[in-house]
PDB file of N, CA and C in Angstrom:
ATOM      1  N   MET A   1     137.664 110.712 120.071  1.00  0.00           N
ATOM      2  CA  MET A   1     137.229 110.460 118.713  1.00  0.00           C
ATOM      3  C   MET A   1     138.410 109.956 117.891  1.00  0.00           C
ATOM      4  N   PRO A   2     138.112 109.126 116.905  1.00  0.00           N
ATOM      5  CA  PRO A   2     139.209 108.662 116.055  1.00  0.00           C
ATOM      6  C   PRO A   2     139.690 109.794 115.147  1.00  0.00           C
ATOM      7  N   GLU A   3     140.700 109.493 114.371  1.00  0.00           N
ATOM      8  CA  GLU A   3     141.297 110.511 113.507  1.00  0.00           C
ATOM      9  C   GLU A   3     140.298 111.133 112.535  1.00  0.00           C
ATOM     10  N   ASN A   4     139.261 110.377 112.112  1.00  0.00           N
ATOM     11  CA  ASN A   4     138.319 110.913 111.136  1.00  0.00           C
ATOM     12  C   ASN A   4     137.221 111.752 111.788  1.00  0.00           C
ATOM     13  N   ASP A   5     137.321 112.008 113.065  1.00  0.00           N
ATOM     14  CA  ASP A   5     136.400 112.874 113.797  1.00  0.00           C
ATOM     15  C   ASP A   5     134.945 112.417 113.765  1.00  0.00           C
ATOM     16  N   VAL A   6     134.708 111.123 113.678  1.00  0.00           N
ATOM     17  CA  VAL A   6     133.353 110.598 113.717  1.00  0.00           C
ATOM     18  C   VAL A   6     132.924 110.527 115.181  1.00  0.00           C
ATOM     19  N   PRO A   7     131.756 111.103 115.513  1.00  0.00           N
ATOM     20  CA  PRO A   7     131.303 111.067 116.909  1.00  0.00           C
ATOM     21  C   PRO A   7     131.021 109.642 117.366  1.00  0.00           C
ATOM     22  N   SER A   8     131.093 109.450 118.658  1.00  0.00           N
ATOM     23  CA  SER A   8     130.803 108.139 119.230  1.00  0.00           C
ATOM     24  C   SER A   8     129.620 108.248 120.178  1.00  0.00           C
ATOM     25  N   ILE A   9     129.036 107.102 120.455  1.00  0.00           N
ATOM     26  CA  ILE A   9     127.991 107.005 121.469  1.00  0.00           C
ATOM     27  C   ILE A   9     128.392 105.894 122.425  1.00  0.00           C
ATOM     28  N   THR A  10     127.901 105.979 123.637  1.00  0.00           N
ATOM     29  CA  THR A  10     128.153 104.937 124.618  1.00  0.00           C
ATOM     30  C   THR A  10     126.859 104.161 124.815  1.00  0.00           C
ATOM     31  N   LEU A  11     126.925 102.868 124.569  1.00  0.00           N
ATOM     32  CA  LEU A  11     125.762 102.002 124.720  1.00  0.00           C
ATOM     33  C   LEU A  11     125.469 101.775 126.196  1.00  0.00           C
ATOM     34  N   LYS A  12     124.280 101.264 126.493  1.00  0.00           N
ATOM     35  CA  LYS A  12     123.890 101.019 127.883  1.00  0.00           C
ATOM     36  C   LYS A  12     124.861 100.103 128.597  1.00  0.00           C
ATOM     37  N   ASN A  13     125.508  99.206 127.853  1.00  0.00           N
ATOM     38  CA  ASN A  13     126.464  98.283 128.469  1.00  0.00           C
ATOM     39  C   ASN A  13     127.844  98.909 128.649  1.00  0.00           C
ATOM     40  N   GLY A  14     127.987 100.204 128.324  1.00  0.00           N
ATOM     41  CA  GLY A  14     129.240 100.918 128.504  1.00  0.00           C
ATOM     42  C   GLY A  14     130.168 100.874 127.305  1.00  0.00           C
ATOM     43  N   GLU A  15     129.813 100.110 126.298  1.00  0.00           N
ATOM     44  CA  GLU A  15     130.646  99.989 125.103  1.00  0.00           C
ATOM     45  C   GLU A  15     130.557 101.271 124.266  1.00  0.00           C
ATOM     46  N   VAL A  16     131.696 101.745 123.813  1.00  0.00           N
ATOM     47  CA  VAL A  16     131.754 102.928 122.954  1.00  0.00           C
ATOM     48  C   VAL A  16     131.723 102.459 121.501  1.00  0.00           C
ATOM     49  N   VAL A  17     130.806 103.036 120.727  1.00  0.00           N
ATOM     50  CA  VAL A  17     130.671 102.681 119.317  1.00  0.00           C
ATOM     51  C   VAL A  17     130.652 103.976 118.511  1.00  0.00           C
ATOM     52  N   TYR A  18     131.385 103.996 117.414  1.00  0.00           N
ATOM     53  CA  TYR A  18     131.419 105.179 116.564  1.00  0.00           C
ATOM     54  C   TYR A  18     130.232 105.173 115.612  1.00  0.00           C
ATOM     55  N   LEU A  19     129.734 106.344 115.335  1.00  0.00           N
ATOM     56  CA  LEU A  19     128.514 106.510 114.558  1.00  0.00           C
ATOM     57  C   LEU A  19     128.580 105.854 113.190  1.00  0.00           C
ATOM     58  N   ASP A  20     129.765 105.711 112.627  1.00  0.00           N
ATOM     59  CA  ASP A  20     129.860 105.090 111.314  1.00  0.00           C
ATOM     60  C   ASP A  20     129.895 103.558 111.379  1.00  0.00           C
ATOM     61  N   GLU A  21     129.778 103.004 112.567  1.00  0.00           N
ATOM     62  CA  GLU A  21     129.645 101.554 112.720  1.00  0.00           C
ATOM     63  C   GLU A  21     128.152 101.218 112.696  1.00  0.00           C
ATOM     64  N   CYS A  22     127.517 101.598 111.600  1.00  0.00           N
ATOM     65  CA  CYS A  22     126.060 101.600 111.488  1.00  0.00           C
ATOM     66  C   CYS A  22     125.424 100.246 111.770  1.00  0.00           C
ATOM     67  N   ARG A  23     125.893  99.227 111.107  1.00  0.00           N
ATOM     68  CA  ARG A  23     125.253  97.916 111.252  1.00  0.00           C
ATOM     69  C   ARG A  23     125.316  97.451 112.699  1.00  0.00           C
ATOM     70  N   ARG A  24     126.430  97.681 113.350  1.00  0.00           N
ATOM     71  CA  ARG A  24     126.582  97.282 114.743  1.00  0.00           C
ATOM     72  C   ARG A  24     125.594  98.028 115.640  1.00  0.00           C
ATOM     73  N   ILE A  25     125.453  99.315 115.414  1.00  0.00           N
ATOM     74  CA  ILE A  25     124.540 100.127 116.215  1.00  0.00           C
ATOM     75  C   ILE A  25     123.093  99.724 115.955  1.00  0.00           C
ATOM     76  N   ILE A  26     122.751  99.555 114.694  1.00  0.00           N
ATOM     77  CA  ILE A  26     121.377  99.188 114.353  1.00  0.00           C
ATOM     78  C   ILE A  26     121.026  97.822 114.932  1.00  0.00           C
ATOM     79  N   ASP A  27     121.916  96.860 114.820  1.00  0.00           N
ATOM     80  CA  ASP A  27     121.673  95.536 115.391  1.00  0.00           C
ATOM     81  C   ASP A  27     121.501  95.620 116.907  1.00  0.00           C
ATOM     82  N   TYR A  28     122.330  96.437 117.547  1.00  0.00           N
ATOM     83  CA  TYR A  28     122.216  96.614 118.994  1.00  0.00           C
ATOM     84  C   TYR A  28     120.855  97.205 119.358  1.00  0.00           C
ATOM     85  N   LEU A  29     120.438  98.229 118.643  1.00  0.00           N
ATOM     86  CA  LEU A  29     119.148  98.861 118.939  1.00  0.00           C
ATOM     87  C   LEU A  29     117.991  97.907 118.691  1.00  0.00           C
ATOM     88  N   LYS A  30     118.054  97.141 117.629  1.00  0.00           N
ATOM     89  CA  LYS A  30     116.992  96.175 117.346  1.00  0.00           C
ATOM     90  C   LYS A  30     116.885  95.132 118.448  1.00  0.00           C
ATOM     91  N   ALA A  31     118.022  94.789 119.045  1.00  0.00           N
ATOM     92  CA  ALA A  31     118.029  93.781 120.102  1.00  0.00           C
ATOM     93  C   ALA A  31     117.591  94.337 121.455  1.00  0.00           C
ATOM     94  N   THR A  32     117.757  95.644 121.666  1.00  0.00           N
ATOM     95  CA  THR A  32     117.506  96.191 122.996  1.00  0.00           C
ATOM     96  C   THR A  32     116.276  97.086 123.111  1.00  0.00           C
ATOM     97  N   CYS A  33     115.786  97.621 122.013  1.00  0.00           N
ATOM     98  CA  CYS A  33     114.608  98.487 122.084  1.00  0.00           C
ATOM     99  C   CYS A  33     113.366  97.639 122.321  1.00  0.00           C
ATOM    100  N   GLU A  34     112.469  98.165 123.129  1.00  0.00           N
ATOM    101  CA  GLU A  34     111.283  97.398 123.513  1.00  0.00           C
ATOM    102  C   GLU A  34     110.215  97.358 122.437  1.00  0.00           C
ATOM    103  N   ASN A  35     110.195  98.338 121.528  1.00  0.00           N
ATOM    104  CA  ASN A  35     109.173  98.364 120.489  1.00  0.00           C
ATOM    105  C   ASN A  35     109.663  99.187 119.303  1.00  0.00           C
ATOM    106  N   SER A  36     108.889  99.163 118.227  1.00  0.00           N
ATOM    107  CA  SER A  36     109.312  99.863 117.010  1.00  0.00           C
ATOM    108  C   SER A  36     109.335 101.378 117.204  1.00  0.00           C
ATOM    109  N   GLY A  37     108.488 101.897 118.079  1.00  0.00           N
ATOM    110  CA  GLY A  37     108.496 103.330 118.355  1.00  0.00           C
ATOM    111  C   GLY A  37     109.798 103.766 118.990  1.00  0.00           C
ATOM    112  N   GLU A  38     110.244 103.011 119.973  1.00  0.00           N
ATOM    113  CA  GLU A  38     111.516 103.319 120.630  1.00  0.00           C
ATOM    114  C   GLU A  38     112.678 103.168 119.645  1.00  0.00           C
ATOM    115  N   LEU A  39     112.622 102.128 118.821  1.00  0.00           N
ATOM    116  CA  LEU A  39     113.673 101.895 117.831  1.00  0.00           C
ATOM    117  C   LEU A  39     113.752 103.054 116.849  1.00  0.00           C
ATOM    118  N   SER A  40     112.611 103.458 116.295  1.00  0.00           N
ATOM    119  CA  SER A  40     112.631 104.544 115.306  1.00  0.00           C
ATOM    120  C   SER A  40     113.070 105.866 115.936  1.00  0.00           C
ATOM    121  N   GLU A  41     112.665 106.143 117.167  1.00  0.00           N
ATOM    122  CA  GLU A  41     113.104 107.372 117.844  1.00  0.00           C
ATOM    123  C   GLU A  41     114.622 107.374 118.039  1.00  0.00           C
ATOM    124  N   ASN A  42     115.176 106.241 118.441  1.00  0.00           N
ATOM    125  CA  ASN A  42     116.629 106.151 118.622  1.00  0.00           C
ATOM    126  C   ASN A  42     117.365 106.319 117.306  1.00  0.00           C
ATOM    127  N   LEU A  43     116.874 105.673 116.263  1.00  0.00           N
ATOM    128  CA  LEU A  43     117.515 105.798 114.954  1.00  0.00           C
ATOM    129  C   LEU A  43     117.427 107.227 114.433  1.00  0.00           C
ATOM    130  N   PHE A  44     116.272 107.866 114.636  1.00  0.00           N
ATOM    131  CA  PHE A  44     116.131 109.247 114.187  1.00  0.00           C
ATOM    132  C   PHE A  44     117.056 110.167 114.984  1.00  0.00           C
ATOM    133  N   GLY A  45     117.230 109.878 116.268  1.00  0.00           N
ATOM    134  CA  GLY A  45     118.166 110.642 117.093  1.00  0.00           C
ATOM    135  C   GLY A  45     119.597 110.512 116.577  1.00  0.00           C
ATOM    136  N   LEU A  46     119.973 109.313 116.141  1.00  0.00           N
ATOM    137  CA  LEU A  46     121.301 109.123 115.558  1.00  0.00           C
ATOM    138  C   LEU A  46     121.423 109.891 114.238  1.00  0.00           C
ATOM    139  N   SER A  47     120.323 109.960 113.506  1.00  0.00           N
ATOM    140  CA  SER A  47     120.305 110.754 112.280  1.00  0.00           C
ATOM    141  C   SER A  47     120.567 112.226 112.609  1.00  0.00           C
ATOM    142  N   ASP A  48     119.966 112.711 113.695  1.00  0.00           N
ATOM    143  CA  ASP A  48     120.212 114.090 114.140  1.00  0.00           C
ATOM    144  C   ASP A  48     121.699 114.323 114.420  1.00  0.00           C
ATOM    145  N   VAL A  49     122.282 113.425 115.205  1.00  0.00           N
ATOM    146  CA  VAL A  49     123.695 113.575 115.582  1.00  0.00           C
ATOM    147  C   VAL A  49     124.581 113.561 114.345  1.00  0.00           C
ATOM    148  N   ALA A  50     124.309 112.639 113.438  1.00  0.00           N
ATOM    149  CA  ALA A  50     125.116 112.547 112.220  1.00  0.00           C
ATOM    150  C   ALA A  50     124.967 113.818 111.384  1.00  0.00           C
ATOM    151  N   GLY A  51     123.755 114.311 111.230  1.00  0.00           N
ATOM    152  CA  GLY A  51     123.526 115.525 110.449  1.00  0.00           C
ATOM    153  C   GLY A  51     124.198 116.731 111.057  1.00  0.00           C
ATOM    154  N   GLU A  52     124.114 116.861 112.383  1.00  0.00           N
ATOM    155  CA  GLU A  52     124.749 117.984 113.070  1.00  0.00           C
ATOM    156  C   GLU A  52     126.272 117.932 112.947  1.00  0.00           C
ATOM    157  N   SER A  53     126.799 116.724 112.707  1.00  0.00           N
ATOM    158  CA  SER A  53     128.243 116.549 112.554  1.00  0.00           C
ATOM    159  C   SER A  53     128.678 116.655 111.099  1.00  0.00           C
ATOM    160  N   GLY A  54     127.727 116.918 110.196  1.00  0.00           N
ATOM    161  CA  GLY A  54     128.053 117.027 108.786  1.00  0.00           C
ATOM    162  C   GLY A  54     128.225 115.694 108.083  1.00  0.00           C
ATOM    163  N   LEU A  55     127.808 114.620 108.732  1.00  0.00           N
ATOM    164  CA  LEU A  55     127.928 113.279 108.159  1.00  0.00           C
ATOM    165  C   LEU A  55     126.609 112.924 107.474  1.00  0.00           C
ATOM    166  N   TYR A  56     126.379 113.525 106.313  1.00  0.00           N
ATOM    167  CA  TYR A  56     125.061 113.465 105.683  1.00  0.00           C
ATOM    168  C   TYR A  56     124.697 112.078 105.165  1.00  0.00           C
ATOM    169  N   ASP A  57     125.671 111.298 104.727  1.00  0.00           N
ATOM    170  CA  ASP A  57     125.369 109.933 104.294  1.00  0.00           C
ATOM    171  C   ASP A  57     124.874 109.097 105.469  1.00  0.00           C
ATOM    172  N   LEU A  58     125.531 109.254 106.619  1.00  0.00           N
ATOM    173  CA  LEU A  58     125.086 108.538 107.816  1.00  0.00           C
ATOM    174  C   LEU A  58     123.734 109.060 108.292  1.00  0.00           C
ATOM    175  N   CYS A  59     123.552 110.350 108.196  1.00  0.00           N
ATOM    176  CA  CYS A  59     122.281 110.969 108.562  1.00  0.00           C
ATOM    177  C   CYS A  59     121.152 110.323 107.757  1.00  0.00           C
ATOM    178  N   ALA A  60     121.355 110.183 106.456  1.00  0.00           N
ATOM    179  CA  ALA A  60     120.347 109.580 105.582  1.00  0.00           C
ATOM    180  C   ALA A  60     120.148 108.101 105.916  1.00  0.00           C
ATOM    181  N   LEU A  61     121.231 107.404 106.181  1.00  0.00           N
ATOM    182  CA  LEU A  61     121.127 105.978 106.496  1.00  0.00           C
ATOM    183  C   LEU A  61     120.268 105.753 107.736  1.00  0.00           C
ATOM    184  N   TYR A  62     120.537 106.502 108.790  1.00  0.00           N
ATOM    185  CA  TYR A  62     119.762 106.326 110.029  1.00  0.00           C
ATOM    186  C   TYR A  62     118.310 106.777 109.849  1.00  0.00           C
ATOM    187  N   ALA A  63     118.087 107.830 109.082  1.00  0.00           N
ATOM    188  CA  ALA A  63     116.715 108.278 108.823  1.00  0.00           C
ATOM    189  C   ALA A  63     115.953 107.236 108.013  1.00  0.00           C
ATOM    190  N   ARG A  64     116.616 106.615 107.041  1.00  0.00           N
ATOM    191  CA  ARG A  64     115.978 105.565 106.224  1.00  0.00           C
ATOM    192  C   ARG A  64     115.639 104.362 107.094  1.00  0.00           C
ATOM    193  N   GLU A  65     116.548 103.986 107.972  1.00  0.00           N
ATOM    194  CA  GLU A  65     116.287 102.867 108.894  1.00  0.00           C
ATOM    195  C   GLU A  65     115.098 103.184 109.804  1.00  0.00           C
ATOM    196  N   ALA A  66     115.051 104.418 110.302  1.00  0.00           N
ATOM    197  CA  ALA A  66     113.927 104.827 111.155  1.00  0.00           C
ATOM    198  C   ALA A  66     112.617 104.763 110.377  1.00  0.00           C
ATOM    199  N   LEU A  67     112.640 105.222 109.131  1.00  0.00           N
ATOM    200  CA  LEU A  67     111.452 105.184 108.275  1.00  0.00           C
ATOM    201  C   LEU A  67     110.996 103.745 108.048  1.00  0.00           C
ATOM    202  N   ASP A  68     111.943 102.858 107.813  1.00  0.00           N
ATOM    203  CA  ASP A  68     111.614 101.469 107.505  1.00  0.00           C
ATOM    204  C   ASP A  68     111.055 100.694 108.692  1.00  0.00           C
ATOM    205  N   CYS A  69     111.326 101.150 109.909  1.00  0.00           N
ATOM    206  CA  CYS A  69     110.901 100.355 111.065  1.00  0.00           C
ATOM    207  C   CYS A  69     109.698 100.936 111.805  1.00  0.00           C
ATOM    208  N   THR A  70     109.094 101.998 111.278  1.00  0.00           N
ATOM    209  CA  THR A  70     107.966 102.595 111.997  1.00  0.00           C
ATOM    210  C   THR A  70     106.684 102.542 111.183  1.00  0.00           C
ATOM    211  N   ASP A  71     105.574 102.506 111.901  1.00  0.00           N
ATOM    212  CA  ASP A  71     104.256 102.620 111.274  1.00  0.00           C
ATOM    213  C   ASP A  71     103.586 103.922 111.683  1.00  0.00           C
ATOM    214  N   GLU A  72     104.253 104.708 112.527  1.00  0.00           N
ATOM    215  CA  GLU A  72     103.691 105.955 113.029  1.00  0.00           C
ATOM    216  C   GLU A  72     103.771 107.052 111.966  1.00  0.00           C
ATOM    217  N   PRO A  73     102.619 107.628 111.581  1.00  0.00           N
ATOM    218  CA  PRO A  73     102.638 108.659 110.532  1.00  0.00           C
ATOM    219  C   PRO A  73     103.538 109.849 110.849  1.00  0.00           C
ATOM    220  N   ASP A  74     103.562 110.290 112.103  1.00  0.00           N
ATOM    221  CA  ASP A  74     104.394 111.446 112.448  1.00  0.00           C
ATOM    222  C   ASP A  74     105.879 111.141 112.272  1.00  0.00           C
ATOM    223  N   MET A  75     106.309 109.955 112.689  1.00  0.00           N
ATOM    224  CA  MET A  75     107.715 109.580 112.520  1.00  0.00           C
ATOM    225  C   MET A  75     108.032 109.387 111.046  1.00  0.00           C
ATOM    226  N   LYS A  76     107.132 108.753 110.307  1.00  0.00           N
ATOM    227  CA  LYS A  76     107.351 108.591 108.867  1.00  0.00           C
ATOM    228  C   LYS A  76     107.509 109.960 108.199  1.00  0.00           C
ATOM    229  N   ALA A  77     106.668 110.903 108.588  1.00  0.00           N
ATOM    230  CA  ALA A  77     106.728 112.247 108.007  1.00  0.00           C
ATOM    231  C   ALA A  77     108.065 112.922 108.345  1.00  0.00           C
ATOM    232  N   LYS A  78     108.517 112.800 109.604  1.00  0.00           N
ATOM    233  CA  LYS A  78     109.804 113.384 109.994  1.00  0.00           C
ATOM    234  C   LYS A  78     110.943 112.793 109.173  1.00  0.00           C
ATOM    235  N   CYS A  79     110.885 111.486 108.971  1.00  0.00           N
ATOM    236  CA  CYS A  79     111.935 110.820 108.201  1.00  0.00           C
ATOM    237  C   CYS A  79     111.908 111.265 106.736  1.00  0.00           C
ATOM    238  N   CYS A  80     110.709 111.338 106.168  1.00  0.00           N
ATOM    239  CA  CYS A  80     110.585 111.777 104.769  1.00  0.00           C
ATOM    240  C   CYS A  80     111.068 113.214 104.606  1.00  0.00           C
ATOM    241  N   LEU A  81     110.739 114.063 105.568  1.00  0.00           N
ATOM    242  CA  LEU A  81     111.219 115.442 105.533  1.00  0.00           C
ATOM    243  C   LEU A  81     112.742 115.476 105.559  1.00  0.00           C
ATOM    244  N   ARG A  82     113.322 114.751 106.490  1.00  0.00           N
ATOM    245  CA  ARG A  82     114.790 114.716 106.611  1.00  0.00           C
ATOM    246  C   ARG A  82     115.423 114.210 105.323  1.00  0.00           C
ATOM    247  N   LEU A  83     114.907 113.104 104.799  1.00  0.00           N
ATOM    248  CA  LEU A  83     115.483 112.520 103.586  1.00  0.00           C
ATOM    249  C   LEU A  83     115.304 113.454 102.387  1.00  0.00           C
ATOM    250  N   GLY A  84     114.155 114.112 102.304  1.00  0.00           N
ATOM    251  CA  GLY A  84     113.927 115.077 101.231  1.00  0.00           C
ATOM    252  C   GLY A  84     114.897 116.243 101.317  1.00  0.00           C
ATOM    253  N   GLN A  85     115.109 116.755 102.519  1.00  0.00           N
ATOM    254  CA  GLN A  85     116.041 117.874 102.697  1.00  0.00           C
ATOM    255  C   GLN A  85     117.468 117.468 102.319  1.00  0.00           C
ATOM    256  N   LEU A  86     117.839 116.240 102.666  1.00  0.00           N
ATOM    257  CA  LEU A  86     119.175 115.762 102.302  1.00  0.00           C
ATOM    258  C   LEU A  86     119.316 115.645 100.785  1.00  0.00           C
ATOM    259  N   LYS A  87     118.255 115.197 100.121  1.00  0.00           N
ATOM    260  CA  LYS A  87     118.291 115.103  98.654  1.00  0.00           C
ATOM    261  C   LYS A  87     118.369 116.499  98.031  1.00  0.00           C
ATOM    262  N   GLU A  88     117.667 117.462  98.626  1.00  0.00           N
ATOM    263  CA  GLU A  88     117.785 118.841  98.133  1.00  0.00           C
ATOM    264  C   GLU A  88     119.228 119.333  98.256  1.00  0.00           C
ATOM    265  N   LYS A  89     119.856 119.018  99.364  1.00  0.00           N
ATOM    266  CA  LYS A  89     121.253 119.424  99.599  1.00  0.00           C
ATOM    267  C   LYS A  89     122.155 118.858  98.500  1.00  0.00           C
ATOM    268  N   GLU A  90     121.807 117.659  98.003  1.00  0.00           N
ATOM    269  CA  GLU A  90     122.569 117.024  96.917  1.00  0.00           C
ATOM    270  C   GLU A  90     122.126 117.525  95.542  1.00  0.00           C
ATOM    271  N   GLU A  91     121.134 118.409  95.529  1.00  0.00           N
ATOM    272  CA  GLU A  91     120.515 118.908  94.300  1.00  0.00           C
ATOM    273  C   GLU A  91     119.832 117.796  93.512  1.00  0.00           C
ATOM    274  N   ALA A  92     119.367 116.774  94.206  1.00  0.00           N
ATOM    275  CA  ALA A  92     118.593 115.672  93.616  1.00  0.00           C
ATOM    276  C   ALA A  92     117.117 115.991  93.871  1.00  0.00           C
ATOM    277  N   TYR A  93     116.619 116.982  93.154  1.00  0.00           N
ATOM    278  CA  TYR A  93     115.298 117.534  93.447  1.00  0.00           C
ATOM    279  C   TYR A  93     114.164 116.546  93.176  1.00  0.00           C
ATOM    280  N   GLY A  94     114.288 115.726  92.169  1.00  0.00           N
ATOM    281  CA  GLY A  94     113.260 114.722  91.898  1.00  0.00           C
ATOM    282  C   GLY A  94     113.121 113.741  93.050  1.00  0.00           C
ATOM    283  N   ASP A  95     114.253 113.309  93.605  1.00  0.00           N
ATOM    284  CA  ASP A  95     114.227 112.410  94.761  1.00  0.00           C
ATOM    285  C   ASP A  95     113.640 113.110  95.981  1.00  0.00           C
ATOM    286  N   ALA A  96     113.971 114.381  96.140  1.00  0.00           N
ATOM    287  CA  ALA A  96     113.425 115.156  97.265  1.00  0.00           C
ATOM    288  C   ALA A  96     111.908 115.221  97.158  1.00  0.00           C
ATOM    289  N   ILE A  97     111.412 115.508  95.974  1.00  0.00           N
ATOM    290  CA  ILE A  97     109.959 115.583  95.777  1.00  0.00           C
ATOM    291  C   ILE A  97     109.310 114.238  96.068  1.00  0.00           C
ATOM    292  N   SER A  98     109.973 113.158  95.710  1.00  0.00           N
ATOM    293  CA  SER A  98     109.428 111.823  95.997  1.00  0.00           C
ATOM    294  C   SER A  98     109.262 111.602  97.498  1.00  0.00           C
ATOM    295  N   TYR A  99     110.254 112.016  98.271  1.00  0.00           N
ATOM    296  CA  TYR A  99     110.139 111.866  99.729  1.00  0.00           C
ATOM    297  C   TYR A  99     109.032 112.751 100.288  1.00  0.00           C
ATOM    298  N   TYR A 100     108.949 113.990  99.814  1.00  0.00           N
ATOM    299  CA  TYR A 100     107.896 114.878 100.295  1.00  0.00           C
ATOM    300  C   TYR A 100     106.516 114.328  99.908  1.00  0.00           C
ATOM    301  N   SER A 101     106.407 113.810  98.716  1.00  0.00           N
ATOM    302  CA  SER A 101     105.134 113.235  98.261  1.00  0.00           C
ATOM    303  C   SER A 101     104.753 112.019  99.096  1.00  0.00           C
ATOM    304  N   GLU A 102     105.751 111.212  99.445  1.00  0.00           N
ATOM    305  CA  GLU A 102     105.489 110.056 100.307  1.00  0.00           C
ATOM    306  C   GLU A 102     104.902 110.514 101.639  1.00  0.00           C
ATOM    307  N   ALA A 103     105.430 111.586 102.173  1.00  0.00           N
ATOM    308  CA  ALA A 103     104.908 112.109 103.448  1.00  0.00           C
ATOM    309  C   ALA A 103     103.469 112.588 103.284  1.00  0.00           C
ATOM    310  N   PHE A 104     103.159 113.211 102.146  1.00  0.00           N
ATOM    311  CA  PHE A 104     101.807 113.721 101.937  1.00  0.00           C
ATOM    312  C   PHE A 104     100.784 112.608 101.747  1.00  0.00           C
ATOM    313  N   SER A 105     101.235 111.393 101.514  1.00  0.00           N
ATOM    314  CA  SER A 105     100.300 110.275 101.402  1.00  0.00           C
ATOM    315  C   SER A 105      99.876 109.769 102.783  1.00  0.00           C
ATOM    316  N   LEU A 106     100.486 110.293 103.835  1.00  0.00           N
ATOM    317  CA  LEU A 106     100.194 109.877 105.211  1.00  0.00           C
ATOM    318  C   LEU A 106      99.082 110.728 105.808  1.00  0.00           C
ATOM    319  N   GLU A 107      98.561 110.264 106.919  1.00  0.00           N
ATOM    320  CA  GLU A 107      97.594 111.051 107.689  1.00  0.00           C
ATOM    321  C   GLU A 107      98.303 112.311 108.180  1.00  0.00           C
ATOM    322  N   PRO A 108      97.821 113.494 107.798  1.00  0.00           N
ATOM    323  CA  PRO A 108      98.544 114.722 108.162  1.00  0.00           C
ATOM    324  C   PRO A 108      98.481 115.038 109.655  1.00  0.00           C
ATOM    325  N   GLY A 109      99.541 115.650 110.137  1.00  0.00           N
ATOM    326  CA  GLY A 109      99.600 116.128 111.507  1.00  0.00           C
ATOM    327  C   GLY A 109      99.574 117.642 111.514  1.00  0.00           C
ATOM    328  N   LYS A 110      99.744 118.211 112.699  1.00  0.00           N
ATOM    329  CA  LYS A 110      99.689 119.674 112.818  1.00  0.00           C
ATOM    330  C   LYS A 110     100.927 120.232 113.499  1.00  0.00           C
ATOM    331  N   ASP A 111     102.023 119.504 113.424  1.00  0.00           N
ATOM    332  CA  ASP A 111     103.237 119.986 114.081  1.00  0.00           C
ATOM    333  C   ASP A 111     104.174 120.631 113.057  1.00  0.00           C
ATOM    334  N   ASP A 112     105.366 120.996 113.505  1.00  0.00           N
ATOM    335  CA  ASP A 112     106.332 121.681 112.651  1.00  0.00           C
ATOM    336  C   ASP A 112     106.731 120.854 111.434  1.00  0.00           C
ATOM    337  N   THR A 113     106.740 119.532 111.564  1.00  0.00           N
ATOM    338  CA  THR A 113     107.117 118.671 110.447  1.00  0.00           C
ATOM    339  C   THR A 113     106.234 118.940 109.239  1.00  0.00           C
ATOM    340  N   TRP A 114     104.945 119.019 109.475  1.00  0.00           N
ATOM    341  CA  TRP A 114     104.004 119.215 108.373  1.00  0.00           C
ATOM    342  C   TRP A 114     104.121 120.624 107.791  1.00  0.00           C
ATOM    343  N   TYR A 115     104.366 121.568 108.643  1.00  0.00           N
ATOM    344  CA  TYR A 115     104.590 122.940 108.176  1.00  0.00           C
ATOM    345  C   TYR A 115     105.796 122.973 107.237  1.00  0.00           C
ATOM    346  N   LEU A 116     106.883 122.345 107.663  1.00  0.00           N
ATOM    347  CA  LEU A 116     108.102 122.336 106.861  1.00  0.00           C
ATOM    348  C   LEU A 116     107.923 121.544 105.571  1.00  0.00           C
ATOM    349  N   LEU A 117     107.174 120.453 105.621  1.00  0.00           N
ATOM    350  CA  LEU A 117     106.903 119.694 104.402  1.00  0.00           C
ATOM    351  C   LEU A 117     106.181 120.554 103.370  1.00  0.00           C
ATOM    352  N   HIS A 118     105.173 121.279 103.827  1.00  0.00           N
ATOM    353  CA  HIS A 118     104.432 122.151 102.912  1.00  0.00           C
ATOM    354  C   HIS A 118     105.347 123.229 102.335  1.00  0.00           C
ATOM    355  N   ASN A 119     106.203 123.792 103.158  1.00  0.00           N
ATOM    356  CA  ASN A 119     107.132 124.829 102.675  1.00  0.00           C
ATOM    357  C   ASN A 119     108.136 124.264 101.689  1.00  0.00           C
ATOM    358  N   ASN A 120     108.652 123.085 101.965  1.00  0.00           N
ATOM    359  CA  ASN A 120     109.682 122.513 101.095  1.00  0.00           C
ATOM    360  C   ASN A 120     109.127 122.084  99.755  1.00  0.00           C
ATOM    361  N   LEU A 121     107.892 121.628  99.739  1.00  0.00           N
ATOM    362  CA  LEU A 121     107.309 121.190  98.474  1.00  0.00           C
ATOM    363  C   LEU A 121     106.735 122.361  97.712  1.00  0.00           C
ATOM    364  N   GLY A 122     106.432 123.416  98.426  1.00  0.00           N
ATOM    365  CA  GLY A 122     105.969 124.634  97.757  1.00  0.00           C
ATOM    366  C   GLY A 122     104.513 124.635  97.632  1.00  0.00           C
TER     367      GLY A 122
END
């Protein structure tokens, strides 16, 4: 890892890319993923890694990218939940409510995402 302790990933071609090289990673995924579902899952996975590393700005960036490239209600809901939680962490409660409300405009599911959305919005 570089001095700033940003995690890296190894691309299929063996190239090592650091998580904060967002545009490069996103462009690579757009070029190599077979469909929008695969793209959004990969981007959301990068959001997980960034969040677990405490890199919340990157976490939000990858979650927003995943949200923007999917039409799947479950993935949209996961992204809205993640983005809402990040806004809560920033104490930007109005923005958090906007993300939760966006998720509630979708076809509801029955998994943990929807449970957490209901809990977070109250």
